[in-house]
PDB file of N, CA and C in Angstrom:
ATOM      1  N   MET A   1      66.199  84.859 211.820  1.00  0.00           N
ATOM      2  CA  MET A   1      65.514  84.901 210.544  1.00  0.00           C
ATOM      3  C   MET A   1      64.141  85.541 210.766  1.00  0.00           C
ATOM      4  N   PRO A   2      63.715  86.476 209.869  1.00  0.00           N
ATOM      5  CA  PRO A   2      62.415  87.126 210.056  1.00  0.00           C
ATOM      6  C   PRO A   2      61.272  86.125 209.897  1.00  0.00           C
ATOM      7  N   ARG A   3      60.217  86.406 210.617  1.00  0.00           N
ATOM      8  CA  ARG A   3      59.025  85.560 210.574  1.00  0.00           C
ATOM      9  C   ARG A   3      58.346  85.701 209.211  1.00  0.00           C
ATOM     10  N   LEU A   4      57.932  84.576 208.639  1.00  0.00           N
ATOM     11  CA  LEU A   4      57.266  84.583 207.343  1.00  0.00           C
ATOM     12  C   LEU A   4      55.808  84.977 207.538  1.00  0.00           C
ATOM     13  N   THR A   5      55.402  86.100 206.920  1.00  0.00           N
ATOM     14  CA  THR A   5      54.026  86.579 207.018  1.00  0.00           C
ATOM     15  C   THR A   5      53.430  86.666 205.626  1.00  0.00           C
ATOM     16  N   ARG A   6      52.101  86.818 205.571  1.00  0.00           N
ATOM     17  CA  ARG A   6      51.424  86.973 204.281  1.00  0.00           C
ATOM     18  C   ARG A   6      51.991  88.191 203.532  1.00  0.00           C
ATOM     19  N   ARG A   7      52.222  89.291 204.268  1.00  0.00           N
ATOM     20  CA  ARG A   7      52.749  90.509 203.641  1.00  0.00           C
ATOM     21  C   ARG A   7      54.116  90.258 203.016  1.00  0.00           C
ATOM     22  N   ARG A   8      54.988  89.589 203.752  1.00  0.00           N
ATOM     23  CA  ARG A   8      56.334  89.297 203.214  1.00  0.00           C
ATOM     24  C   ARG A   8      56.246  88.344 202.014  1.00  0.00           C
ATOM     25  N   THR A   9      55.331  87.368 202.095  1.00  0.00           N
ATOM     26  CA  THR A   9      55.160  86.422 200.993  1.00  0.00           C
ATOM     27  C   THR A   9      54.684  87.134 199.736  1.00  0.00           C
ATOM     28  N   LEU A  10      53.686  88.023 199.875  1.00  0.00           N
ATOM     29  CA  LEU A  10      53.192  88.775 198.722  1.00  0.00           C
ATOM     30  C   LEU A  10      54.259  89.712 198.172  1.00  0.00           C
ATOM     31  N   ALA A  11      55.025  90.348 199.062  1.00  0.00           N
ATOM     32  CA  ALA A  11      56.092  91.247 198.609  1.00  0.00           C
ATOM     33  C   ALA A  11      57.157  90.464 197.833  1.00  0.00           C
ATOM     34  N   ALA A  12      57.510  89.298 198.346  1.00  0.00           N
ATOM     35  CA  ALA A  12      58.495  88.475 197.645  1.00  0.00           C
ATOM     36  C   ALA A  12      57.953  88.017 196.298  1.00  0.00           C
ATOM     37  N   GLY A  13      56.676  87.615 196.281  1.00  0.00           N
ATOM     38  CA  GLY A  13      56.052  87.196 195.019  1.00  0.00           C
ATOM     39  C   GLY A  13      56.017  88.335 194.018  1.00  0.00           C
ATOM     40  N   ALA A  14      55.738  89.545 194.480  1.00  0.00           N
ATOM     41  CA  ALA A  14      55.714  90.710 193.591  1.00  0.00           C
ATOM     42  C   ALA A  14      57.099  90.987 193.034  1.00  0.00           C
ATOM     43  N   ALA A  15      58.120  90.854 193.869  1.00  0.00           N
ATOM     44  CA  ALA A  15      59.489  91.094 193.411  1.00  0.00           C
ATOM     45  C   ALA A  15      59.906  90.061 192.367  1.00  0.00           C
ATOM     46  N   VAL A  16      59.575  88.812 192.606  1.00  0.00           N
ATOM     47  CA  VAL A  16      59.910  87.753 191.646  1.00  0.00           C
ATOM     48  C   VAL A  16      59.142  87.975 190.348  1.00  0.00           C
ATOM     49  N   ALA A  17      57.856  88.304 190.460  1.00  0.00           N
ATOM     50  CA  ALA A  17      57.043  88.527 189.271  1.00  0.00           C
ATOM     51  C   ALA A  17      57.560  89.707 188.467  1.00  0.00           C
ATOM     52  N   ALA A  18      57.977  90.765 189.149  1.00  0.00           N
ATOM     53  CA  ALA A  18      58.488  91.952 188.452  1.00  0.00           C
ATOM     54  C   ALA A  18      59.752  91.621 187.676  1.00  0.00           C
ATOM     55  N   THR A  19      60.622  90.805 188.260  1.00  0.00           N
ATOM     56  CA  THR A  19      61.850  90.460 187.561  1.00  0.00           C
ATOM     57  C   THR A  19      61.596  89.478 186.434  1.00  0.00           C
ATOM     58  N   ALA A  20      60.516  88.714 186.536  1.00  0.00           N
ATOM     59  CA  ALA A  20      60.188  87.746 185.488  1.00  0.00           C
ATOM     60  C   ALA A  20      59.274  88.339 184.426  1.00  0.00           C
ATOM     61  N   GLY A  21      58.807  89.573 184.644  1.00  0.00           N
ATOM     62  CA  GLY A  21      57.904  90.210 183.682  1.00  0.00           C
ATOM     63  C   GLY A  21      56.481  89.701 183.764  1.00  0.00           C
ATOM     64  N   LEU A  22      56.107  89.118 184.894  1.00  0.00           N
ATOM     65  CA  LEU A  22      54.766  88.590 185.088  1.00  0.00           C
ATOM     66  C   LEU A  22      53.977  89.529 185.974  1.00  0.00           C
ATOM     67  N   PRO A  23      52.641  89.454 185.921  1.00  0.00           N
ATOM     68  CA  PRO A  23      51.857  90.292 186.829  1.00  0.00           C
ATOM     69  C   PRO A  23      52.082  89.877 188.277  1.00  0.00           C
ATOM     70  N   ALA A  24      52.132  90.854 189.167  1.00  0.00           N
ATOM     71  CA  ALA A  24      52.318  90.584 190.586  1.00  0.00           C
ATOM     72  C   ALA A  24      51.065  89.947 191.157  1.00  0.00           C
ATOM     73  N   PRO A  25      51.219  89.138 192.214  1.00  0.00           N
ATOM     74  CA  PRO A  25      50.033  88.562 192.831  1.00  0.00           C
ATOM     75  C   PRO A  25      49.148  89.661 193.389  1.00  0.00           C
ATOM     76  N   SER A  26      47.856  89.512 193.221  1.00  0.00           N
ATOM     77  CA  SER A  26      46.926  90.526 193.701  1.00  0.00           C
ATOM     78  C   SER A  26      46.181  90.009 194.911  1.00  0.00           C
ATOM     79  N   ALA A  27      45.500  90.915 195.582  1.00  0.00           N
ATOM     80  CA  ALA A  27      44.686  90.512 196.719  1.00  0.00           C
ATOM     81  C   ALA A  27      43.604  89.541 196.272  1.00  0.00           C
ATOM     82  N   ALA A  28      43.080  89.735 195.060  1.00  0.00           N
ATOM     83  CA  ALA A  28      42.047  88.834 194.552  1.00  0.00           C
ATOM     84  C   ALA A  28      42.599  87.428 194.387  1.00  0.00           C
ATOM     85  N   ALA A  29      43.861  87.330 193.958  1.00  0.00           N
ATOM     86  CA  ALA A  29      44.471  86.021 193.759  1.00  0.00           C
ATOM     87  C   ALA A  29      44.671  85.297 195.084  1.00  0.00           C
ATOM     88  N   THR A  30      44.820  86.049 196.168  1.00  0.00           N
ATOM     89  CA  THR A  30      45.012  85.425 197.469  1.00  0.00           C
ATOM     90  C   THR A  30      43.705  85.175 198.183  1.00  0.00           C
ATOM     91  N   GLY A  31      42.596  85.671 197.574  1.00  0.00           N
ATOM     92  CA  GLY A  31      41.302  85.497 198.204  1.00  0.00           C
ATOM     93  C   GLY A  31      40.982  86.585 199.212  1.00  0.00           C
ATOM     94  N   HIS A  32      41.796  87.641 199.268  1.00  0.00           N
ATOM     95  CA  HIS A  32      41.587  88.734 200.207  1.00  0.00           C
ATOM     96  C   HIS A  32      41.495  90.030 199.431  1.00  0.00           C
ATOM     97  N   ASP A  33      40.274  90.502 199.192  1.00  0.00           N
ATOM     98  CA  ASP A  33      40.128  91.708 198.383  1.00  0.00           C
ATOM     99  C   ASP A  33      39.943  92.960 199.234  1.00  0.00           C
ATOM    100  N   HIS A  34      39.890  92.841 200.538  1.00  0.00           N
ATOM    101  CA  HIS A  34      39.799  93.984 201.448  1.00  0.00           C
ATOM    102  C   HIS A  34      38.697  94.948 201.062  1.00  0.00           C
ATOM    103  N   GLY A  35      37.566  94.420 200.576  1.00  0.00           N
ATOM    104  CA  GLY A  35      36.415  95.254 200.289  1.00  0.00           C
ATOM    105  C   GLY A  35      36.431  95.926 198.936  1.00  0.00           C
ATOM    106  N   HIS A  36      37.438  95.703 198.134  1.00  0.00           N
ATOM    107  CA  HIS A  36      37.512  96.328 196.813  1.00  0.00           C
ATOM    108  C   HIS A  36      36.973  95.368 195.766  1.00  0.00           C
ATOM    109  N   SER A  37      36.239  95.888 194.814  1.00  0.00           N
ATOM    110  CA  SER A  37      35.688  95.061 193.757  1.00  0.00           C
ATOM    111  C   SER A  37      36.672  95.021 192.594  1.00  0.00           C
ATOM    112  N   HIS A  38      37.078  93.847 192.226  1.00  0.00           N
ATOM    113  CA  HIS A  38      38.012  93.687 191.109  1.00  0.00           C
ATOM    114  C   HIS A  38      37.369  92.820 190.046  1.00  0.00           C
ATOM    115  N   SER A  39      36.146  93.136 189.698  1.00  0.00           N
ATOM    116  CA  SER A  39      35.414  92.342 188.724  1.00  0.00           C
ATOM    117  C   SER A  39      36.027  92.510 187.338  1.00  0.00           C
ATOM    118  N   HIS A  40      36.184  91.419 186.657  1.00  0.00           N
ATOM    119  CA  HIS A  40      36.696  91.475 185.288  1.00  0.00           C
ATOM    120  C   HIS A  40      35.615  91.013 184.321  1.00  0.00           C
ATOM    121  N   ASP A  41      34.368  91.237 184.685  1.00  0.00           N
ATOM    122  CA  ASP A  41      33.246  90.932 183.813  1.00  0.00           C
ATOM    123  C   ASP A  41      33.210  91.993 182.729  1.00  0.00           C
ATOM    124  N   HIS A  42      33.481  91.599 181.507  1.00  0.00           N
ATOM    125  CA  HIS A  42      33.559  92.565 180.407  1.00  0.00           C
ATOM    126  C   HIS A  42      32.282  92.580 179.580  1.00  0.00           C
ATOM    127  N   GLY A  43      31.139  92.251 180.193  1.00  0.00           N
ATOM    128  CA  GLY A  43      29.855  92.320 179.515  1.00  0.00           C
ATOM    129  C   GLY A  43      29.432  93.775 179.333  1.00  0.00           C
ATOM    130  N   VAL A  44      28.299  93.954 178.679  1.00  0.00           N
ATOM    131  CA  VAL A  44      27.780  95.304 178.444  1.00  0.00           C
ATOM    132  C   VAL A  44      27.227  95.847 179.764  1.00  0.00           C
ATOM    133  N   PRO A  45      27.670  97.038 180.173  1.00  0.00           N
ATOM    134  CA  PRO A  45      27.169  97.625 181.418  1.00  0.00           C
ATOM    135  C   PRO A  45      25.679  97.959 181.318  1.00  0.00           C
ATOM    136  N   GLU A  46      25.041  98.093 182.469  1.00  0.00           N
ATOM    137  CA  GLU A  46      23.637  98.468 182.510  1.00  0.00           C
ATOM    138  C   GLU A  46      23.470  99.908 182.051  1.00  0.00           C
ATOM    139  N   ALA A  47      22.303 100.186 181.474  1.00  0.00           N
ATOM    140  CA  ALA A  47      21.970 101.557 181.080  1.00  0.00           C
ATOM    141  C   ALA A  47      21.712 102.389 182.334  1.00  0.00           C
ATOM    142  N   PHE A  48      21.971 103.688 182.223  1.00  0.00           N
ATOM    143  CA  PHE A  48      21.665 104.592 183.326  1.00  0.00           C
ATOM    144  C   PHE A  48      21.193 105.921 182.762  1.00  0.00           C
ATOM    145  N   ASP A  49      20.447 106.651 183.559  1.00  0.00           N
ATOM    146  CA  ASP A  49      19.923 107.966 183.196  1.00  0.00           C
ATOM    147  C   ASP A  49      19.661 108.694 184.503  1.00  0.00           C
ATOM    148  N   GLU A  50      20.459 109.688 184.798  1.00  0.00           N
ATOM    149  CA  GLU A  50      20.327 110.399 186.066  1.00  0.00           C
ATOM    150  C   GLU A  50      20.797 111.836 185.931  1.00  0.00           C
ATOM    151  N   VAL A  51      20.476 112.645 186.911  1.00  0.00           N
ATOM    152  CA  VAL A  51      21.002 113.999 186.995  1.00  0.00           C
ATOM    153  C   VAL A  51      22.087 113.974 188.052  1.00  0.00           C
ATOM    154  N   TYR A  52      23.298 114.397 187.665  1.00  0.00           N
ATOM    155  CA  TYR A  52      24.446 114.411 188.557  1.00  0.00           C
ATOM    156  C   TYR A  52      25.032 115.816 188.578  1.00  0.00           C
ATOM    157  N   LEU A  53      25.045 116.444 189.728  1.00  0.00           N
ATOM    158  CA  LEU A  53      25.527 117.817 189.887  1.00  0.00           C
ATOM    159  C   LEU A  53      24.884 118.768 188.878  1.00  0.00           C
ATOM    160  N   GLY A  54      23.594 118.561 188.649  1.00  0.00           N
ATOM    161  CA  GLY A  54      22.840 119.438 187.752  1.00  0.00           C
ATOM    162  C   GLY A  54      22.965 119.120 186.276  1.00  0.00           C
ATOM    163  N   ARG A  55      23.689 118.072 185.935  1.00  0.00           N
ATOM    164  CA  ARG A  55      23.856 117.678 184.529  1.00  0.00           C
ATOM    165  C   ARG A  55      23.189 116.334 184.313  1.00  0.00           C
ATOM    166  N   ARG A  56      22.538 116.178 183.167  1.00  0.00           N
ATOM    167  CA  ARG A  56      21.919 114.884 182.846  1.00  0.00           C
ATOM    168  C   ARG A  56      22.971 113.985 182.225  1.00  0.00           C
ATOM    169  N   ILE A  57      23.216 112.861 182.857  1.00  0.00           N
ATOM    170  CA  ILE A  57      24.155 111.882 182.314  1.00  0.00           C
ATOM    171  C   ILE A  57      23.378 110.620 181.972  1.00  0.00           C
ATOM    172  N   GLN A  58      23.738 110.036 180.840  1.00  0.00           N
ATOM    173  CA  GLN A  58      23.071 108.829 180.354  1.00  0.00           C
ATOM    174  C   GLN A  58      24.116 107.873 179.798  1.00  0.00           C
ATOM    175  N   GLY A  59      23.805 106.619 179.903  1.00  0.00           N
ATOM    176  CA  GLY A  59      24.632 105.589 179.303  1.00  0.00           C
ATOM    177  C   GLY A  59      23.736 104.474 178.823  1.00  0.00           C
ATOM    178  N   ARG A  60      24.051 103.956 177.643  1.00  0.00           N
ATOM    179  CA  ARG A  60      23.211 102.894 177.080  1.00  0.00           C
ATOM    180  C   ARG A  60      23.960 102.181 175.950  1.00  0.00           C
ATOM    181  N   PRO A  61      23.561 100.948 175.695  1.00  0.00           N
ATOM    182  CA  PRO A  61      24.128 100.256 174.534  1.00  0.00           C
ATOM    183  C   PRO A  61      23.752 101.017 173.259  1.00  0.00           C
ATOM    184  N   VAL A  62      24.676 101.099 172.332  1.00  0.00           N
ATOM    185  CA  VAL A  62      24.422 101.762 171.048  1.00  0.00           C
ATOM    186  C   VAL A  62      24.857 100.827 169.930  1.00  0.00           C
ATOM    187  N   ALA A  63      24.170 100.940 168.815  1.00  0.00           N
ATOM    188  CA  ALA A  63      24.490 100.110 167.643  1.00  0.00           C
ATOM    189  C   ALA A  63      25.055 100.996 166.555  1.00  0.00           C
ATOM    190  N   GLY A  64      25.923 100.432 165.766  1.00  0.00           N
ATOM    191  CA  GLY A  64      26.476 101.164 164.629  1.00  0.00           C
ATOM    192  C   GLY A  64      27.499 102.199 165.047  1.00  0.00           C
ATOM    193  N   GLY A  65      28.160 102.745 164.073  1.00  0.00           N
ATOM    194  CA  GLY A  65      29.169 103.772 164.343  1.00  0.00           C
ATOM    195  C   GLY A  65      30.425 103.171 164.945  1.00  0.00           C
ATOM    196  N   HIS A  66      31.347 104.049 165.254  1.00  0.00           N
ATOM    197  CA  HIS A  66      32.634 103.629 165.806  1.00  0.00           C
ATOM    198  C   HIS A  66      32.668 103.994 167.281  1.00  0.00           C
ATOM    199  N   HIS A  67      32.522 103.011 168.138  1.00  0.00           N
ATOM    200  CA  HIS A  67      32.520 103.260 169.571  1.00  0.00           C
ATOM    201  C   HIS A  67      33.626 102.454 170.229  1.00  0.00           C
ATOM    202  N   HIS A  68      34.573 103.164 170.862  1.00  0.00           N
ATOM    203  CA  HIS A  68      35.636 102.490 171.608  1.00  0.00           C
ATOM    204  C   HIS A  68      35.078 101.848 172.868  1.00  0.00           C
ATOM    205  N   GLY A  69      33.872 102.242 173.255  1.00  0.00           N
ATOM    206  CA  GLY A  69      33.235 101.691 174.444  1.00  0.00           C
ATOM    207  C   GLY A  69      32.583 100.347 174.191  1.00  0.00           C
ATOM    208  N   GLY A  70      32.909  99.705 173.092  1.00  0.00           N
ATOM    209  CA  GLY A  70      32.373  98.372 172.823  1.00  0.00           C
ATOM    210  C   GLY A  70      30.875  98.357 172.633  1.00  0.00           C
ATOM    211  N   GLY A  71      30.349  99.341 171.916  1.00  0.00           N
ATOM    212  CA  GLY A  71      28.918  99.382 171.676  1.00  0.00           C
ATOM    213  C   GLY A  71      28.138 100.028 172.809  1.00  0.00           C
ATOM    214  N   TYR A  72      28.805 100.850 173.602  1.00  0.00           N
ATOM    215  CA  TYR A  72      28.152 101.526 174.720  1.00  0.00           C
ATOM    216  C   TYR A  72      28.401 103.024 174.588  1.00  0.00           C
ATOM    217  N   GLY A  73      27.343 103.813 174.668  1.00  0.00           N
ATOM    218  CA  GLY A  73      27.458 105.265 174.539  1.00  0.00           C
ATOM    219  C   GLY A  73      27.166 105.963 175.847  1.00  0.00           C
ATOM    220  N   VAL A  74      27.910 107.033 176.111  1.00  0.00           N
ATOM    221  CA  VAL A  74      27.725 107.855 177.305  1.00  0.00           C
ATOM    222  C   VAL A  74      27.463 109.277 176.838  1.00  0.00           C
ATOM    223  N   PHE A  75      26.495 109.936 177.472  1.00  0.00           N
ATOM    224  CA  PHE A  75      26.085 111.273 177.056  1.00  0.00           C
ATOM    225  C   PHE A  75      25.963 112.196 178.258  1.00  0.00           C
ATOM    226  N   ILE A  76      26.394 113.435 178.076  1.00  0.00           N
ATOM    227  CA  ILE A  76      26.217 114.484 179.077  1.00  0.00           C
ATOM    228  C   ILE A  76      25.373 115.565 178.432  1.00  0.00           C
ATOM    229  N   ASP A  77      24.203 115.816 178.997  1.00  0.00           N
ATOM    230  CA  ASP A  77      23.262 116.792 178.441  1.00  0.00           C
ATOM    231  C   ASP A  77      23.011 116.546 176.951  1.00  0.00           C
ATOM    232  N   GLY A  78      22.944 115.264 176.563  1.00  0.00           N
ATOM    233  CA  GLY A  78      22.645 114.881 175.187  1.00  0.00           C
ATOM    234  C   GLY A  78      23.834 114.865 174.244  1.00  0.00           C
ATOM    235  N   VAL A  79      24.999 115.305 174.707  1.00  0.00           N
ATOM    236  CA  VAL A  79      26.208 115.317 173.873  1.00  0.00           C
ATOM    237  C   VAL A  79      27.040 114.089 174.225  1.00  0.00           C
ATOM    238  N   GLU A  80      27.480 113.358 173.210  1.00  0.00           N
ATOM    239  CA  GLU A  80      28.230 112.131 173.467  1.00  0.00           C
ATOM    240  C   GLU A  80      29.589 112.426 174.092  1.00  0.00           C
ATOM    241  N   LEU A  81      29.862 111.724 175.179  1.00  0.00           N
ATOM    242  CA  LEU A  81      31.170 111.724 175.824  1.00  0.00           C
ATOM    243  C   LEU A  81      31.889 110.489 175.314  1.00  0.00           C
ATOM    244  N   HIS A  82      32.965 110.666 174.603  1.00  0.00           N
ATOM    245  CA  HIS A  82      33.686 109.515 174.066  1.00  0.00           C
ATOM    246  C   HIS A  82      34.367 108.773 175.203  1.00  0.00           C
ATOM    247  N   VAL A  83      34.008 107.499 175.339  1.00  0.00           N
ATOM    248  CA  VAL A  83      34.569 106.641 176.373  1.00  0.00           C
ATOM    249  C   VAL A  83      35.241 105.444 175.720  1.00  0.00           C
ATOM    250  N   MET A  84      36.131 104.837 176.478  1.00  0.00           N
ATOM    251  CA  MET A  84      36.820 103.652 175.989  1.00  0.00           C
ATOM    252  C   MET A  84      37.011 102.698 177.156  1.00  0.00           C
ATOM    253  N   ARG A  85      36.787 101.434 176.885  1.00  0.00           N
ATOM    254  CA  ARG A  85      37.015 100.404 177.893  1.00  0.00           C
ATOM    255  C   ARG A  85      38.439  99.885 177.745  1.00  0.00           C
ATOM    256  N   ASN A  86      39.158  99.839 178.855  1.00  0.00           N
ATOM    257  CA  ASN A  86      40.517  99.310 178.866  1.00  0.00           C
ATOM    258  C   ASN A  86      40.499  97.792 178.971  1.00  0.00           C
ATOM    259  N   ALA A  87      41.616  97.179 178.704  1.00  0.00           N
ATOM    260  CA  ALA A  87      41.716  95.718 178.747  1.00  0.00           C
ATOM    261  C   ALA A  87      41.389  95.151 180.121  1.00  0.00           C
ATOM    262  N   ASP A  88      41.647  95.915 181.180  1.00  0.00           N
ATOM    263  CA  ASP A  88      41.370  95.428 182.533  1.00  0.00           C
ATOM    264  C   ASP A  88      39.921  95.648 182.958  1.00  0.00           C
ATOM    265  N   GLY A  89      39.087  96.185 182.047  1.00  0.00           N
ATOM    266  CA  GLY A  89      37.687  96.419 182.354  1.00  0.00           C
ATOM    267  C   GLY A  89      37.387  97.813 182.861  1.00  0.00           C
ATOM    268  N   SER A  90      38.418  98.611 183.150  1.00  0.00           N
ATOM    269  CA  SER A  90      38.191  99.990 183.594  1.00  0.00           C
ATOM    270  C   SER A  90      37.819 100.852 182.386  1.00  0.00           C
ATOM    271  N   TRP A  91      37.328 102.056 182.651  1.00  0.00           N
ATOM    272  CA  TRP A  91      36.879 102.961 181.599  1.00  0.00           C
ATOM    273  C   TRP A  91      37.593 104.294 181.704  1.00  0.00           C
ATOM    274  N   ILE A  92      37.849 104.922 180.557  1.00  0.00           N
ATOM    275  CA  ILE A  92      38.389 106.278 180.498  1.00  0.00           C
ATOM    276  C   ILE A  92      37.537 107.078 179.524  1.00  0.00           C
ATOM    277  N   SER A  93      37.624 108.391 179.641  1.00  0.00           N
ATOM    278  CA  SER A  93      36.893 109.243 178.702  1.00  0.00           C
ATOM    279  C   SER A  93      37.844 110.275 178.129  1.00  0.00           C
ATOM    280  N   VAL A  94      37.379 110.972 177.124  1.00  0.00           N
ATOM    281  CA  VAL A  94      38.179 112.014 176.500  1.00  0.00           C
ATOM    282  C   VAL A  94      38.443 113.153 177.487  1.00  0.00           C
ATOM    283  N   VAL A  95      37.579 113.312 178.488  1.00  0.00           N
ATOM    284  CA  VAL A  95      37.750 114.379 179.475  1.00  0.00           C
ATOM    285  C   VAL A  95      38.707 113.965 180.582  1.00  0.00           C
ATOM    286  N   SER A  96      38.642 112.721 181.011  1.00  0.00           N
ATOM    287  CA  SER A  96      39.519 112.251 182.096  1.00  0.00           C
ATOM    288  C   SER A  96      40.303 111.024 181.625  1.00  0.00           C
ATOM    289  N   HIS A  97      41.094 111.240 180.604  1.00  0.00           N
ATOM    290  CA  HIS A  97      41.792 110.160 179.914  1.00  0.00           C
ATOM    291  C   HIS A  97      42.796 109.421 180.803  1.00  0.00           C
ATOM    292  N   TYR A  98      43.399 110.111 181.757  1.00  0.00           N
ATOM    293  CA  TYR A  98      44.449 109.495 182.566  1.00  0.00           C
ATOM    294  C   TYR A  98      43.970 109.068 183.939  1.00  0.00           C
ATOM    295  N   ASP A  99      42.658 108.973 184.107  1.00  0.00           N
ATOM    296  CA  ASP A  99      42.093 108.586 185.395  1.00  0.00           C
ATOM    297  C   ASP A  99      41.049 107.493 185.191  1.00  0.00           C
ATOM    298  N   PRO A 100      41.479 106.230 185.051  1.00  0.00           N
ATOM    299  CA  PRO A 100      40.524 105.144 184.809  1.00  0.00           C
ATOM    300  C   PRO A 100      39.542 104.986 185.966  1.00  0.00           C
ATOM    301  N   VAL A 101      38.316 104.650 185.612  1.00  0.00           N
ATOM    302  CA  VAL A 101      37.254 104.444 186.593  1.00  0.00           C
ATOM    303  C   VAL A 101      36.588 103.099 186.307  1.00  0.00           C
ATOM    304  N   PRO A 102      35.800 102.582 187.253  1.00  0.00           N
ATOM    305  CA  PRO A 102      35.268 101.229 187.098  1.00  0.00           C
ATOM    306  C   PRO A 102      34.072 101.061 186.168  1.00  0.00           C
ATOM    307  N   SER A 103      33.416 102.168 185.765  1.00  0.00           N
ATOM    308  CA  SER A 103      32.206 102.007 184.967  1.00  0.00           C
ATOM    309  C   SER A 103      31.964 103.231 184.086  1.00  0.00           C
ATOM    310  N   PRO A 104      31.114 103.097 183.067  1.00  0.00           N
ATOM    311  CA  PRO A 104      30.757 104.260 182.250  1.00  0.00           C
ATOM    312  C   PRO A 104      30.050 105.345 183.078  1.00  0.00           C
ATOM    313  N   ARG A 105      29.249 104.944 184.058  1.00  0.00           N
ATOM    314  CA  ARG A 105      28.588 105.921 184.925  1.00  0.00           C
ATOM    315  C   ARG A 105      29.635 106.730 185.685  1.00  0.00           C
ATOM    316  N   ALA A 106      30.645 106.055 186.201  1.00  0.00           N
ATOM    317  CA  ALA A 106      31.721 106.751 186.920  1.00  0.00           C
ATOM    318  C   ALA A 106      32.494 107.665 185.968  1.00  0.00           C
ATOM    319  N   ALA A 107      32.660 107.250 184.708  1.00  0.00           N
ATOM    320  CA  ALA A 107      33.341 108.098 183.716  1.00  0.00           C
ATOM    321  C   ALA A 107      32.523 109.360 183.452  1.00  0.00           C
ATOM    322  N   ALA A 108      31.201 109.218 183.344  1.00  0.00           N
ATOM    323  CA  ALA A 108      30.336 110.377 183.131  1.00  0.00           C
ATOM    324  C   ALA A 108      30.393 111.315 184.327  1.00  0.00           C
ATOM    325  N   ARG A 109      30.329 110.770 185.521  1.00  0.00           N
ATOM    326  CA  ARG A 109      30.391 111.602 186.720  1.00  0.00           C
ATOM    327  C   ARG A 109      31.734 112.329 186.825  1.00  0.00           C
ATOM    328  N   ALA A 110      32.829 111.624 186.539  1.00  0.00           N
ATOM    329  CA  ALA A 110      34.152 112.253 186.584  1.00  0.00           C
ATOM    330  C   ALA A 110      34.247 113.382 185.561  1.00  0.00           C
ATOM    331  N   ALA A 111      33.660 113.190 184.391  1.00  0.00           N
ATOM    332  CA  ALA A 111      33.679 114.231 183.360  1.00  0.00           C
ATOM    333  C   ALA A 111      32.885 115.452 183.804  1.00  0.00           C
ATOM    334  N   VAL A 112      31.744 115.227 184.437  1.00  0.00           N
ATOM    335  CA  VAL A 112      30.939 116.347 184.930  1.00  0.00           C
ATOM    336  C   VAL A 112      31.748 117.162 185.937  1.00  0.00           C
ATOM    337  N   VAL A 113      32.419 116.490 186.840  1.00  0.00           N
ATOM    338  CA  VAL A 113      33.241 117.188 187.832  1.00  0.00           C
ATOM    339  C   VAL A 113      34.348 117.972 187.137  1.00  0.00           C
ATOM    340  N   GLU A 114      35.017 117.333 186.189  1.00  0.00           N
ATOM    341  CA  GLU A 114      36.125 117.980 185.480  1.00  0.00           C
ATOM    342  C   GLU A 114      35.661 119.163 184.636  1.00  0.00           C
ATOM    343  N   LEU A 115      34.469 119.072 184.043  1.00  0.00           N
ATOM    344  CA  LEU A 115      33.963 120.153 183.205  1.00  0.00           C
ATOM    345  C   LEU A 115      33.608 121.405 184.005  1.00  0.00           C
ATOM    346  N   ARG A 116      33.323 121.245 185.299  1.00  0.00           N
ATOM    347  CA  ARG A 116      33.017 122.383 186.179  1.00  0.00           C
ATOM    348  C   ARG A 116      31.967 123.317 185.588  1.00  0.00           C
ATOM    349  N   GLY A 117      30.919 122.742 185.013  1.00  0.00           N
ATOM    350  CA  GLY A 117      29.825 123.540 184.481  1.00  0.00           C
ATOM    351  C   GLY A 117      29.965 123.912 183.015  1.00  0.00           C
ATOM    352  N   ALA A 118      31.130 123.731 182.420  1.00  0.00           N
ATOM    353  CA  ALA A 118      31.342 124.037 181.004  1.00  0.00           C
ATOM    354  C   ALA A 118      30.606 123.000 180.151  1.00  0.00           C
ATOM    355  N   PRO A 119      30.130 123.409 178.998  1.00  0.00           N
ATOM    356  CA  PRO A 119      29.452 122.417 178.144  1.00  0.00           C
ATOM    357  C   PRO A 119      30.457 121.448 177.545  1.00  0.00           C
ATOM    358  N   LEU A 120      29.995 120.227 177.321  1.00  0.00           N
ATOM    359  CA  LEU A 120      30.804 119.233 176.622  1.00  0.00           C
ATOM    360  C   LEU A 120      30.733 119.538 175.127  1.00  0.00           C
ATOM    361  N   VAL A 121      31.865 119.732 174.498  1.00  0.00           N
ATOM    362  CA  VAL A 121      31.903 120.047 173.075  1.00  0.00           C
ATOM    363  C   VAL A 121      31.985 118.745 172.301  1.00  0.00           C
ATOM    364  N   PRO A 122      31.083 118.544 171.340  1.00  0.00           N
ATOM    365  CA  PRO A 122      31.101 117.280 170.583  1.00  0.00           C
ATOM    366  C   PRO A 122      32.391 117.140 169.763  1.00  0.00           C
ATOM    367  N   LEU A 123      32.908 115.908 169.727  1.00  0.00           N
ATOM    368  CA  LEU A 123      34.055 115.611 168.874  1.00  0.00           C
ATOM    369  C   LEU A 123      33.536 115.199 167.513  1.00  0.00           C
ATOM    370  N   THR A 124      34.166 115.644 166.475  1.00  0.00           N
ATOM    371  CA  THR A 124      33.726 115.277 165.124  1.00  0.00           C
ATOM    372  C   THR A 124      34.735 114.409 164.447  1.00  0.00           C
TER     373      THR A 124
END
């Protein structure tokens, strides 16, 4: 009989969870996060204002209007980058919609990289 290890236990738990339609056990649930941050704090992120790859990126709480970012606005060179917070706390933007990142700052940086120097066109 194979030796019971943490890896085999987690794999078995994941298989059972998948067949039951439940979330698989995570490293956070076992107390072993291997250096990865899995924070599920869904509070308002801190404001930021920096130059990244020659572009000014900003993020700050905003009031009014329709913001999928839960009252948080992200801007590249003064133009709003539409961002949205996912249920798991990750963020996506209109520029990198299929690549969730951990914060609005990371979403702004990913958009700058993806834009490759092109201006961000405002959505109306």
